[in-house]
């Protein structure tokens, strides 16, 4: 009989500091009305000076393990999706392993930007279904405040910090029915952080040119995101033998309220089936889908037997969708 992977516990962590649109009005030439109407964001969380991504990931992981009633020493695999790690190496997953005491776990990071959590969950699914592992911790964690140019009004209004996690194990009922992933490297220039890698190592020049911050072409991304996210959800549903009318809840990457409502319209779904928390947290890249899933479960928006679709799109370009029977 085929092994099926399912989520048995969720957890999240959001820093306590809130950065509101009113705060941003004092920092750059923008207004609350402009930000709200174009993005749907009212505030975002910002990590403290003594916090790094691993700290956010560890806190979310502890909450997920507690919810799943799984001990760290029983974990076989830890996957952390992030584009804002503590450092290039070692992996953030290894730092999480050390803090948790998950001594037998295999550890690695996934760098798939905003689709990172969906990518990581799909990878966990393959490990479980192959019989290689039994208990996997999947985390989406970001500290985008550390790579945001706070003088650029077009990008600084979008991003926030946070982490979400889940524990994946074999399940007898429900679980991940299907997953669909895609990439298009020809569009890699639409969103990137050009400095700090082997192409442009850190130097006075890269710092002066602000190459260590997020650069994005918002209008071009907007046009692509709607079609790609709708297509990814449809393809994942087709693999699962389901249709949009069967879906109870969509957990999308929280990029922009206009994008998400356009995706809902394209899928023929009422807005109430799209779970949103972008107003309070902004875009947290790989952490967005992870924290939204956690919140949806905790608020009772997802119930046993529900068909849930995770849907994300990000720099790369990369995208993915998972269909889960909860």
C-alpha atoms as a PDB file:
ATOM      1  CA  UNK A   1       0.000   0.000   0.000  1.00  0.00           C
ATOM      2  CA  UNK A   2       1.286   3.461  -0.908  1.00  0.00           C
ATOM      3  CA  UNK A   3       2.583   5.578   1.964  1.00  0.00           C
ATOM      4  CA  UNK A   4       0.906   8.968   2.167  1.00  0.00           C
ATOM      5  CA  UNK A   5       2.477  12.011   3.813  1.00  0.00           C
ATOM      6  CA  UNK A   6       0.396  14.331   5.956  1.00  0.00           C
ATOM      7  CA  UNK A   7       0.771  17.308   8.283  1.00  0.00           C
ATOM      8  CA  UNK A   8       0.204  16.377  11.934  1.00  0.00           C
ATOM      9  CA  UNK A   9       1.215  19.635  13.604  1.00  0.00           C
ATOM     10  CA  UNK A  10       1.709  23.322  12.815  1.00  0.00           C
ATOM     11  CA  UNK A  11       3.386  26.252  14.542  1.00  0.00           C
ATOM     12  CA  UNK A  12       4.480  29.802  13.855  1.00  0.00           C
ATOM     13  CA  UNK A  13       6.380  32.706  15.349  1.00  0.00           C
ATOM     14  CA  UNK A  14       5.981  36.416  14.617  1.00  0.00           C
ATOM     15  CA  UNK A  15       8.290  39.022  16.164  1.00  0.00           C
ATOM     16  CA  UNK A  16       6.555  41.395  18.579  1.00  0.00           C
ATOM     17  CA  UNK A  17       7.601  44.661  16.902  1.00  0.00           C
ATOM     18  CA  UNK A  18       4.976  46.098  14.535  1.00  0.00           C
ATOM     19  CA  UNK A  19       5.899  48.477  11.722  1.00  0.00           C
ATOM     20  CA  UNK A  20       2.720  50.240  10.606  1.00  0.00           C
ATOM     21  CA  UNK A  21       1.979  52.232   7.474  1.00  0.00           C
ATOM     22  CA  UNK A  22       1.904  55.319   9.690  1.00  0.00           C
ATOM     23  CA  UNK A  23       5.484  54.516  10.722  1.00  0.00           C
ATOM     24  CA  UNK A  24       6.507  54.201   7.085  1.00  0.00           C
ATOM     25  CA  UNK A  25       4.959  57.586   6.272  1.00  0.00           C
ATOM     26  CA  UNK A  26       7.663  59.071   8.498  1.00  0.00           C
ATOM     27  CA  UNK A  27      10.443  57.120   6.759  1.00  0.00           C
ATOM     28  CA  UNK A  28       9.697  57.428   3.029  1.00  0.00           C
ATOM     29  CA  UNK A  29       7.440  59.383   0.673  1.00  0.00           C
ATOM     30  CA  UNK A  30       4.313  57.242   0.933  1.00  0.00           C
ATOM     31  CA  UNK A  31       0.877  57.172   2.555  1.00  0.00           C
ATOM     32  CA  UNK A  32      -1.250  54.627   4.376  1.00  0.00           C
ATOM     33  CA  UNK A  33      -3.904  54.973   1.646  1.00  0.00           C
ATOM     34  CA  UNK A  34      -1.382  54.292  -1.147  1.00  0.00           C
ATOM     35  CA  UNK A  35       0.017  51.201   0.557  1.00  0.00           C
ATOM     36  CA  UNK A  36      -3.375  49.809   1.579  1.00  0.00           C
ATOM     37  CA  UNK A  37      -5.105  50.231  -1.793  1.00  0.00           C
ATOM     38  CA  UNK A  38      -2.203  48.768  -3.788  1.00  0.00           C
ATOM     39  CA  UNK A  39      -1.063  45.970  -1.489  1.00  0.00           C
ATOM     40  CA  UNK A  40      -3.639  45.352   1.246  1.00  0.00           C
ATOM     41  CA  UNK A  41      -0.934  45.706   3.903  1.00  0.00           C
ATOM     42  CA  UNK A  42      -1.526  47.730   7.092  1.00  0.00           C
ATOM     43  CA  UNK A  43       1.450  46.565   9.158  1.00  0.00           C
ATOM     44  CA  UNK A  44       4.269  44.038   9.216  1.00  0.00           C
ATOM     45  CA  UNK A  45       6.423  42.408  11.923  1.00  0.00           C
ATOM     46  CA  UNK A  46      10.109  43.280  12.294  1.00  0.00           C
ATOM     47  CA  UNK A  47      12.630  41.114  14.148  1.00  0.00           C
ATOM     48  CA  UNK A  48      14.589  42.619  17.029  1.00  0.00           C
ATOM     49  CA  UNK A  49      18.284  43.466  16.731  1.00  0.00           C
ATOM     50  CA  UNK A  50      19.298  40.336  18.632  1.00  0.00           C
ATOM     51  CA  UNK A  51      17.199  37.997  16.449  1.00  0.00           C
ATOM     52  CA  UNK A  52      18.290  36.178  13.290  1.00  0.00           C
ATOM     53  CA  UNK A  53      16.337  33.901  10.956  1.00  0.00           C
ATOM     54  CA  UNK A  54      17.375  30.783  12.861  1.00  0.00           C
ATOM     55  CA  UNK A  55      15.839  32.243  16.040  1.00  0.00           C
ATOM     56  CA  UNK A  56      12.504  32.743  14.276  1.00  0.00           C
ATOM     57  CA  UNK A  57      12.709  29.262  12.759  1.00  0.00           C
ATOM     58  CA  UNK A  58      13.539  27.621  16.099  1.00  0.00           C
ATOM     59  CA  UNK A  59      10.589  29.290  17.843  1.00  0.00           C
ATOM     60  CA  UNK A  60       8.161  28.211  15.100  1.00  0.00           C
ATOM     61  CA  UNK A  61       9.650  24.703  15.108  1.00  0.00           C
ATOM     62  CA  UNK A  62       9.136  24.290  18.858  1.00  0.00           C
ATOM     63  CA  UNK A  63       5.484  25.290  18.484  1.00  0.00           C
ATOM     64  CA  UNK A  64       4.950  22.826  15.615  1.00  0.00           C
ATOM     65  CA  UNK A  65       6.656  19.963  17.474  1.00  0.00           C
ATOM     66  CA  UNK A  66       4.509  20.648  20.535  1.00  0.00           C
ATOM     67  CA  UNK A  67       1.357  20.655  18.407  1.00  0.00           C
ATOM     68  CA  UNK A  68       2.386  17.383  16.740  1.00  0.00           C
ATOM     69  CA  UNK A  69       3.505  15.807  20.038  1.00  0.00           C
ATOM     70  CA  UNK A  70       6.820  14.868  18.412  1.00  0.00           C
ATOM     71  CA  UNK A  71      10.180  14.987  20.207  1.00  0.00           C
ATOM     72  CA  UNK A  72      13.122  16.687  18.418  1.00  0.00           C
ATOM     73  CA  UNK A  73      15.299  13.589  18.851  1.00  0.00           C
ATOM     74  CA  UNK A  74      12.770  11.604  16.788  1.00  0.00           C
ATOM     75  CA  UNK A  75      13.086  13.830  13.707  1.00  0.00           C
ATOM     76  CA  UNK A  76      14.653  12.237  10.611  1.00  0.00           C
ATOM     77  CA  UNK A  77      14.835  15.380   8.471  1.00  0.00           C
ATOM     78  CA  UNK A  78      14.755  19.175   8.897  1.00  0.00           C
ATOM     79  CA  UNK A  79      14.155  21.391   5.849  1.00  0.00           C
ATOM     80  CA  UNK A  80      14.287  25.168   6.162  1.00  0.00           C
ATOM     81  CA  UNK A  81      13.018  27.309   3.286  1.00  0.00           C
ATOM     82  CA  UNK A  82      14.663  30.747   3.401  1.00  0.00           C
ATOM     83  CA  UNK A  83      16.346  33.406   1.270  1.00  0.00           C
ATOM     84  CA  UNK A  84      17.542  35.376   4.292  1.00  0.00           C
ATOM     85  CA  UNK A  85      19.654  32.852   6.234  1.00  0.00           C
ATOM     86  CA  UNK A  86      21.869  33.716   9.191  1.00  0.00           C
ATOM     87  CA  UNK A  87      24.828  33.188   6.838  1.00  0.00           C
ATOM     88  CA  UNK A  88      25.617  31.451   3.523  1.00  0.00           C
ATOM     89  CA  UNK A  89      26.827  28.402   5.414  1.00  0.00           C
ATOM     90  CA  UNK A  90      26.254  26.371   7.459  1.00  0.00           C
ATOM     91  CA  UNK A  91      22.608  25.890   6.573  1.00  0.00           C
ATOM     92  CA  UNK A  92      19.959  27.396   8.797  1.00  0.00           C
ATOM     93  CA  UNK A  93      18.549  23.872   9.142  1.00  0.00           C
ATOM     94  CA  UNK A  94      21.759  22.796  10.887  1.00  0.00           C
ATOM     95  CA  UNK A  95      21.455  25.718  13.309  1.00  0.00           C
ATOM     96  CA  UNK A  96      17.870  24.673  14.033  1.00  0.00           C
ATOM     97  CA  UNK A  97      19.002  21.079  14.555  1.00  0.00           C
ATOM     98  CA  UNK A  98      21.607  22.168  17.111  1.00  0.00           C
ATOM     99  CA  UNK A  99      19.133  24.304  19.058  1.00  0.00           C
ATOM    100  CA  UNK A 100      16.472  21.586  19.129  1.00  0.00           C
ATOM    101  CA  UNK A 101      18.835  18.711  19.875  1.00  0.00           C
ATOM    102  CA  UNK A 102      17.551  16.784  16.834  1.00  0.00           C
ATOM    103  CA  UNK A 103      20.762  14.799  16.608  1.00  0.00           C
ATOM    104  CA  UNK A 104      19.737  12.171  14.047  1.00  0.00           C
ATOM    105  CA  UNK A 105      18.062  14.525  11.559  1.00  0.00           C
ATOM    106  CA  UNK A 106      19.377  15.136   8.059  1.00  0.00           C
ATOM    107  CA  UNK A 107      19.410  18.921   7.503  1.00  0.00           C
ATOM    108  CA  UNK A 108      19.368  21.251   4.501  1.00  0.00           C
ATOM    109  CA  UNK A 109      17.934  24.561   3.281  1.00  0.00           C
ATOM    110  CA  UNK A 110      15.779  25.279   0.249  1.00  0.00           C
ATOM    111  CA  UNK A 111      16.236  28.602  -1.563  1.00  0.00           C
ATOM    112  CA  UNK A 112      13.042  28.907  -3.600  1.00  0.00           C
ATOM    113  CA  UNK A 113      12.067  32.413  -2.465  1.00  0.00           C
ATOM    114  CA  UNK A 114       8.332  32.914  -1.910  1.00  0.00           C
ATOM    115  CA  UNK A 115       7.545  29.375  -3.089  1.00  0.00           C
ATOM    116  CA  UNK A 116      10.100  27.929  -0.662  1.00  0.00           C
ATOM    117  CA  UNK A 117       7.651  26.450   1.844  1.00  0.00           C
ATOM    118  CA  UNK A 118       5.644  24.697  -0.886  1.00  0.00           C
ATOM    119  CA  UNK A 119       8.884  23.375  -2.415  1.00  0.00           C
ATOM    120  CA  UNK A 120      10.088  22.151   0.987  1.00  0.00           C
ATOM    121  CA  UNK A 121       6.744  20.508   1.759  1.00  0.00           C
ATOM    122  CA  UNK A 122       6.821  18.719  -1.599  1.00  0.00           C
ATOM    123  CA  UNK A 123      10.357  17.480  -0.867  1.00  0.00           C
ATOM    124  CA  UNK A 124       9.228  16.227   2.544  1.00  0.00           C
ATOM    125  CA  UNK A 125       6.365  14.434   0.817  1.00  0.00           C
ATOM    126  CA  UNK A 126       8.821  12.562  -1.451  1.00  0.00           C
ATOM    127  CA  UNK A 127      11.011  11.529   1.499  1.00  0.00           C
ATOM    128  CA  UNK A 128       8.007  10.195   3.410  1.00  0.00           C
ATOM    129  CA  UNK A 129       6.404   8.416   0.444  1.00  0.00           C
ATOM    130  CA  UNK A 130       9.697   6.730  -0.475  1.00  0.00           C
ATOM    131  CA  UNK A 131       9.933   5.289   3.021  1.00  0.00           C
ATOM    132  CA  UNK A 132      13.284   7.019   3.637  1.00  0.00           C
ATOM    133  CA  UNK A 133      11.990   9.076   6.570  1.00  0.00           C
ATOM    134  CA  UNK A 134       9.100   9.011   9.045  1.00  0.00           C
ATOM    135  CA  UNK A 135       9.214  12.372  10.792  1.00  0.00           C
ATOM    136  CA  UNK A 136      10.074  15.588   8.908  1.00  0.00           C
ATOM    137  CA  UNK A 137      10.137  19.154  10.188  1.00  0.00           C
ATOM    138  CA  UNK A 138       9.437  21.733   7.444  1.00  0.00           C
ATOM    139  CA  UNK A 139      10.024  25.427   8.174  1.00  0.00           C
ATOM    140  CA  UNK A 140       9.540  28.622   6.184  1.00  0.00           C
ATOM    141  CA  UNK A 141      11.471  31.439   7.873  1.00  0.00           C
ATOM    142  CA  UNK A 142      12.457  34.904   6.706  1.00  0.00           C
ATOM    143  CA  UNK A 143      13.973  38.093   8.040  1.00  0.00           C
ATOM    144  CA  UNK A 144      13.420  40.235   4.974  1.00  0.00           C
ATOM    145  CA  UNK A 145      13.965  43.399   7.013  1.00  0.00           C
ATOM    146  CA  UNK A 146      17.678  42.542   6.869  1.00  0.00           C
ATOM    147  CA  UNK A 147      17.762  42.713   3.049  1.00  0.00           C
ATOM    148  CA  UNK A 148      15.243  45.516   2.480  1.00  0.00           C
ATOM    149  CA  UNK A 149      16.275  48.988   1.346  1.00  0.00           C
ATOM    150  CA  UNK A 150      14.335  51.176   3.781  1.00  0.00           C
ATOM    151  CA  UNK A 151      14.794  54.203   1.505  1.00  0.00           C
ATOM    152  CA  UNK A 152      13.062  52.522  -1.466  1.00  0.00           C
ATOM    153  CA  UNK A 153       9.354  53.250  -1.112  1.00  0.00           C
ATOM    154  CA  UNK A 154       8.414  50.716  -3.801  1.00  0.00           C
ATOM    155  CA  UNK A 155       9.808  47.733  -1.889  1.00  0.00           C
ATOM    156  CA  UNK A 156      10.110  48.647   1.791  1.00  0.00           C
ATOM    157  CA  UNK A 157       6.327  48.813   2.228  1.00  0.00           C
ATOM    158  CA  UNK A 158       5.946  45.170   1.234  1.00  0.00           C
ATOM    159  CA  UNK A 159       8.124  43.016   3.440  1.00  0.00           C
ATOM    160  CA  UNK A 160       8.136  41.626   6.967  1.00  0.00           C
ATOM    161  CA  UNK A 161       9.694  38.951   9.191  1.00  0.00           C
ATOM    162  CA  UNK A 162       8.329  35.707  10.587  1.00  0.00           C
ATOM    163  CA  UNK A 163       8.402  31.913  10.519  1.00  0.00           C
ATOM    164  CA  UNK A 164       5.978  29.034  10.181  1.00  0.00           C
ATOM    165  CA  UNK A 165       6.548  25.303  10.538  1.00  0.00           C
ATOM    166  CA  UNK A 166       4.849  21.948  10.220  1.00  0.00           C
ATOM    167  CA  UNK A 167       5.603  18.318  11.070  1.00  0.00           C
ATOM    168  CA  UNK A 168       5.064  15.797   8.272  1.00  0.00           C
ATOM    169  CA  UNK A 169       4.692  12.039   8.880  1.00  0.00           C
ATOM    170  CA  UNK A 170       3.016   9.030   7.251  1.00  0.00           C
ATOM    171  CA  UNK A 171      -0.765   9.189   7.754  1.00  0.00           C
ATOM    172  CA  UNK A 172      -3.539   6.616   7.354  1.00  0.00           C
ATOM    173  CA  UNK A 173      -6.163   9.092   6.170  1.00  0.00           C
ATOM    174  CA  UNK A 174      -5.977  12.315   4.158  1.00  0.00           C
ATOM    175  CA  UNK A 175      -2.587  13.920   3.689  1.00  0.00           C
ATOM    176  CA  UNK A 176      -0.850  15.486   0.687  1.00  0.00           C
ATOM    177  CA  UNK A 177      -2.725  14.254  -2.371  1.00  0.00           C
ATOM    178  CA  UNK A 178      -0.645  16.017  -5.024  1.00  0.00           C
ATOM    179  CA  UNK A 179       2.005  18.669  -5.563  1.00  0.00           C
ATOM    180  CA  UNK A 180       3.030  20.606  -8.633  1.00  0.00           C
ATOM    181  CA  UNK A 181       6.221  22.671  -8.956  1.00  0.00           C
ATOM    182  CA  UNK A 182       7.564  24.842 -11.766  1.00  0.00           C
ATOM    183  CA  UNK A 183      10.363  27.261 -12.668  1.00  0.00           C
ATOM    184  CA  UNK A 184      11.301  29.748 -15.381  1.00  0.00           C
ATOM    185  CA  UNK A 185      14.892  30.970 -15.093  1.00  0.00           C
ATOM    186  CA  UNK A 186      14.503  33.234 -18.137  1.00  0.00           C
ATOM    187  CA  UNK A 187      12.615  35.646 -15.850  1.00  0.00           C
ATOM    188  CA  UNK A 188      15.256  35.654 -13.093  1.00  0.00           C
ATOM    189  CA  UNK A 189      15.964  39.380 -13.474  1.00  0.00           C
ATOM    190  CA  UNK A 190      12.485  40.373 -12.260  1.00  0.00           C
ATOM    191  CA  UNK A 191      13.366  39.870  -8.595  1.00  0.00           C
ATOM    192  CA  UNK A 192      16.797  39.357  -7.055  1.00  0.00           C
ATOM    193  CA  UNK A 193      19.425  40.391  -4.556  1.00  0.00           C
ATOM    194  CA  UNK A 194      22.452  40.897  -6.842  1.00  0.00           C
ATOM    195  CA  UNK A 195      25.186  41.434  -4.247  1.00  0.00           C
ATOM    196  CA  UNK A 196      26.930  39.033  -1.896  1.00  0.00           C
ATOM    197  CA  UNK A 197      27.347  35.983  -4.121  1.00  0.00           C
ATOM    198  CA  UNK A 198      30.200  34.843  -6.364  1.00  0.00           C
ATOM    199  CA  UNK A 199      29.000  37.095  -9.219  1.00  0.00           C
ATOM    200  CA  UNK A 200      29.248  40.245  -7.107  1.00  0.00           C
ATOM    201  CA  UNK A 201      31.122  39.476  -3.861  1.00  0.00           C
ATOM    202  CA  UNK A 202      30.731  41.973  -1.037  1.00  0.00           C
ATOM    203  CA  UNK A 203      32.824  45.100  -1.634  1.00  0.00           C
ATOM    204  CA  UNK A 204      32.660  48.855  -1.079  1.00  0.00           C
ATOM    205  CA  UNK A 205      31.222  49.120  -4.585  1.00  0.00           C
ATOM    206  CA  UNK A 206      28.398  46.610  -4.017  1.00  0.00           C
ATOM    207  CA  UNK A 207      27.525  48.312  -0.731  1.00  0.00           C
ATOM    208  CA  UNK A 208      27.530  51.790  -2.294  1.00  0.00           C
ATOM    209  CA  UNK A 209      25.281  50.536  -5.093  1.00  0.00           C
ATOM    210  CA  UNK A 210      22.900  48.933  -2.555  1.00  0.00           C
ATOM    211  CA  UNK A 211      23.300  45.555  -4.243  1.00  0.00           C
ATOM    212  CA  UNK A 212      22.688  43.660  -1.004  1.00  0.00           C
ATOM    213  CA  UNK A 213      19.016  44.603  -0.970  1.00  0.00           C
ATOM    214  CA  UNK A 214      15.959  43.161  -2.724  1.00  0.00           C
ATOM    215  CA  UNK A 215      15.463  44.483  -6.263  1.00  0.00           C
ATOM    216  CA  UNK A 216      12.168  43.848  -8.011  1.00  0.00           C
ATOM    217  CA  UNK A 217      10.128  44.831 -11.034  1.00  0.00           C
ATOM    218  CA  UNK A 218       6.686  44.878  -9.452  1.00  0.00           C
ATOM    219  CA  UNK A 219       4.479  45.542 -12.474  1.00  0.00           C
ATOM    220  CA  UNK A 220       6.002  42.701 -14.496  1.00  0.00           C
ATOM    221  CA  UNK A 221       5.727  40.294 -11.565  1.00  0.00           C
ATOM    222  CA  UNK A 222       2.093  41.235 -11.001  1.00  0.00           C
ATOM    223  CA  UNK A 223       1.167  40.354 -14.587  1.00  0.00           C
ATOM    224  CA  UNK A 224       2.808  36.934 -14.359  1.00  0.00           C
ATOM    225  CA  UNK A 225       1.797  36.024 -10.800  1.00  0.00           C
ATOM    226  CA  UNK A 226      -1.963  35.848 -11.354  1.00  0.00           C
ATOM    227  CA  UNK A 227      -1.820  33.464 -14.302  1.00  0.00           C
ATOM    228  CA  UNK A 228       0.969  31.321 -12.860  1.00  0.00           C
ATOM    229  CA  UNK A 229      -0.631  30.884  -9.425  1.00  0.00           C
ATOM    230  CA  UNK A 230      -4.016  30.015 -10.941  1.00  0.00           C
ATOM    231  CA  UNK A 231      -2.380  27.571 -13.349  1.00  0.00           C
ATOM    232  CA  UNK A 232      -0.351  25.905 -10.569  1.00  0.00           C
ATOM    233  CA  UNK A 233      -3.465  25.388  -8.447  1.00  0.00           C
ATOM    234  CA  UNK A 234      -5.404  23.962 -11.401  1.00  0.00           C
ATOM    235  CA  UNK A 235      -2.614  21.540 -12.310  1.00  0.00           C
ATOM    236  CA  UNK A 236      -2.200  20.322  -8.737  1.00  0.00           C
ATOM    237  CA  UNK A 237      -5.975  19.819  -8.480  1.00  0.00           C
ATOM    238  CA  UNK A 238      -6.041  17.925 -11.777  1.00  0.00           C
ATOM    239  CA  UNK A 239      -3.302  15.599 -10.495  1.00  0.00           C
ATOM    240  CA  UNK A 240      -5.435  15.004  -7.408  1.00  0.00           C
ATOM    241  CA  UNK A 241      -8.514  14.243  -9.507  1.00  0.00           C
ATOM    242  CA  UNK A 242     -10.321  17.262  -8.064  1.00  0.00           C
ATOM    243  CA  UNK A 243     -11.823  20.526  -9.324  1.00  0.00           C
ATOM    244  CA  UNK A 244     -11.917  24.056  -7.950  1.00  0.00           C
ATOM    245  CA  UNK A 245     -15.449  23.524  -6.647  1.00  0.00           C
ATOM    246  CA  UNK A 246     -14.072  20.819  -4.344  1.00  0.00           C
ATOM    247  CA  UNK A 247     -11.712  23.232  -2.588  1.00  0.00           C
ATOM    248  CA  UNK A 248     -12.577  24.384   0.940  1.00  0.00           C
ATOM    249  CA  UNK A 249      -9.623  26.699   1.593  1.00  0.00           C
ATOM    250  CA  UNK A 250      -6.756  28.181  -0.411  1.00  0.00           C
ATOM    251  CA  UNK A 251      -3.634  29.267   1.489  1.00  0.00           C
ATOM    252  CA  UNK A 252      -1.783  31.518  -0.992  1.00  0.00           C
ATOM    253  CA  UNK A 253       1.549  33.247  -0.722  1.00  0.00           C
ATOM    254  CA  UNK A 254       0.638  36.628   0.788  1.00  0.00           C
ATOM    255  CA  UNK A 255       2.160  38.845  -1.899  1.00  0.00           C
ATOM    256  CA  UNK A 256      -0.452  41.456  -2.758  1.00  0.00           C
ATOM    257  CA  UNK A 257      -4.197  41.598  -2.091  1.00  0.00           C
ATOM    258  CA  UNK A 258      -4.966  42.509  -5.719  1.00  0.00           C
ATOM    259  CA  UNK A 259      -3.005  39.501  -6.984  1.00  0.00           C
ATOM    260  CA  UNK A 260      -4.778  37.152  -4.570  1.00  0.00           C
ATOM    261  CA  UNK A 261      -8.269  38.406  -5.417  1.00  0.00           C
ATOM    262  CA  UNK A 262      -7.461  38.118  -9.133  1.00  0.00           C
ATOM    263  CA  UNK A 263      -6.294  34.523  -8.585  1.00  0.00           C
ATOM    264  CA  UNK A 264      -9.527  33.746  -6.721  1.00  0.00           C
ATOM    265  CA  UNK A 265     -11.573  35.167  -9.602  1.00  0.00           C
ATOM    266  CA  UNK A 266      -9.574  33.155 -12.151  1.00  0.00           C
ATOM    267  CA  UNK A 267     -10.164  29.971 -10.161  1.00  0.00           C
ATOM    268  CA  UNK A 268     -13.854  30.782  -9.775  1.00  0.00           C
ATOM    269  CA  UNK A 269     -13.611  30.777  -5.985  1.00  0.00           C
ATOM    270  CA  UNK A 270     -15.408  33.171  -3.610  1.00  0.00           C
ATOM    271  CA  UNK A 271     -13.068  35.476  -1.638  1.00  0.00           C
ATOM    272  CA  UNK A 272     -14.060  33.813   1.654  1.00  0.00           C
ATOM    273  CA  UNK A 273     -12.285  30.620   0.551  1.00  0.00           C
ATOM    274  CA  UNK A 274      -8.968  32.492   0.259  1.00  0.00           C
ATOM    275  CA  UNK A 275      -7.228  32.758   3.633  1.00  0.00           C
ATOM    276  CA  UNK A 276      -5.538  36.138   4.096  1.00  0.00           C
ATOM    277  CA  UNK A 277      -3.246  37.579   6.747  1.00  0.00           C
ATOM    278  CA  UNK A 278      -1.334  40.007   4.500  1.00  0.00           C
ATOM    279  CA  UNK A 279      -2.966  43.000   6.224  1.00  0.00           C
ATOM    280  CA  UNK A 280      -1.113  42.203   9.470  1.00  0.00           C
ATOM    281  CA  UNK A 281       2.161  40.716   8.237  1.00  0.00           C
ATOM    282  CA  UNK A 282       2.890  41.805   4.667  1.00  0.00           C
ATOM    283  CA  UNK A 283       5.001  39.643   2.384  1.00  0.00           C
ATOM    284  CA  UNK A 284       7.273  37.288   4.355  1.00  0.00           C
ATOM    285  CA  UNK A 285       8.461  35.276   1.350  1.00  0.00           C
ATOM    286  CA  UNK A 286       8.691  31.556   2.262  1.00  0.00           C
ATOM    287  CA  UNK A 287       7.243  32.269   5.718  1.00  0.00           C
ATOM    288  CA  UNK A 288       3.996  33.696   4.317  1.00  0.00           C
ATOM    289  CA  UNK A 289       2.338  30.437   3.281  1.00  0.00           C
ATOM    290  CA  UNK A 290       3.692  28.661   6.363  1.00  0.00           C
ATOM    291  CA  UNK A 291       2.327  31.183   8.867  1.00  0.00           C
ATOM    292  CA  UNK A 292      -0.968  31.525   7.002  1.00  0.00           C
ATOM    293  CA  UNK A 293      -1.457  27.747   7.154  1.00  0.00           C
ATOM    294  CA  UNK A 294      -0.757  27.775  10.887  1.00  0.00           C
ATOM    295  CA  UNK A 295      -3.194  30.634  11.505  1.00  0.00           C
ATOM    296  CA  UNK A 296      -5.912  29.079   9.344  1.00  0.00           C
ATOM    297  CA  UNK A 297      -5.718  25.858  11.363  1.00  0.00           C
ATOM    298  CA  UNK A 298      -5.706  27.661  14.706  1.00  0.00           C
ATOM    299  CA  UNK A 299      -8.671  29.842  13.764  1.00  0.00           C
ATOM    300  CA  UNK A 300     -10.732  26.844  12.672  1.00  0.00           C
ATOM    301  CA  UNK A 301     -10.761  27.880   9.012  1.00  0.00           C
ATOM    302  CA  UNK A 302      -9.491  24.398   8.146  1.00  0.00           C
ATOM    303  CA  UNK A 303     -11.354  21.359   9.480  1.00  0.00           C
ATOM    304  CA  UNK A 304     -10.815  17.620   9.274  1.00  0.00           C
ATOM    305  CA  UNK A 305     -11.623  16.337   5.790  1.00  0.00           C
ATOM    306  CA  UNK A 306     -11.295  19.762   4.113  1.00  0.00           C
ATOM    307  CA  UNK A 307      -9.531  20.096   0.775  1.00  0.00           C
ATOM    308  CA  UNK A 308      -6.768  22.670   1.219  1.00  0.00           C
ATOM    309  CA  UNK A 309      -4.606  24.151  -1.547  1.00  0.00           C
ATOM    310  CA  UNK A 310      -1.261  25.825  -0.832  1.00  0.00           C
ATOM    311  CA  UNK A 311      -0.318  28.093  -3.737  1.00  0.00           C
ATOM    312  CA  UNK A 312       2.851  30.198  -4.109  1.00  0.00           C
ATOM    313  CA  UNK A 313       4.918  32.138  -6.622  1.00  0.00           C
ATOM    314  CA  UNK A 314       8.275  33.888  -6.285  1.00  0.00           C
ATOM    315  CA  UNK A 315      11.680  34.960  -7.572  1.00  0.00           C
ATOM    316  CA  UNK A 316      13.419  32.526  -9.872  1.00  0.00           C
ATOM    317  CA  UNK A 317      10.822  32.512 -11.239  1.00  0.00           C
ATOM    318  CA  UNK A 318       9.474  29.599  -9.201  1.00  0.00           C
ATOM    319  CA  UNK A 319       5.983  28.455  -8.290  1.00  0.00           C
ATOM    320  CA  UNK A 320       4.165  25.551  -6.747  1.00  0.00           C
ATOM    321  CA  UNK A 321       0.920  24.223  -5.341  1.00  0.00           C
ATOM    322  CA  UNK A 322       0.018  21.374  -2.981  1.00  0.00           C
ATOM    323  CA  UNK A 323      -3.395  19.777  -2.519  1.00  0.00           C
ATOM    324  CA  UNK A 324      -4.029  18.403   0.961  1.00  0.00           C
ATOM    325  CA  UNK A 325      -6.975  16.521   2.451  1.00  0.00           C
ATOM    326  CA  UNK A 326      -6.798  17.703   6.043  1.00  0.00           C
END
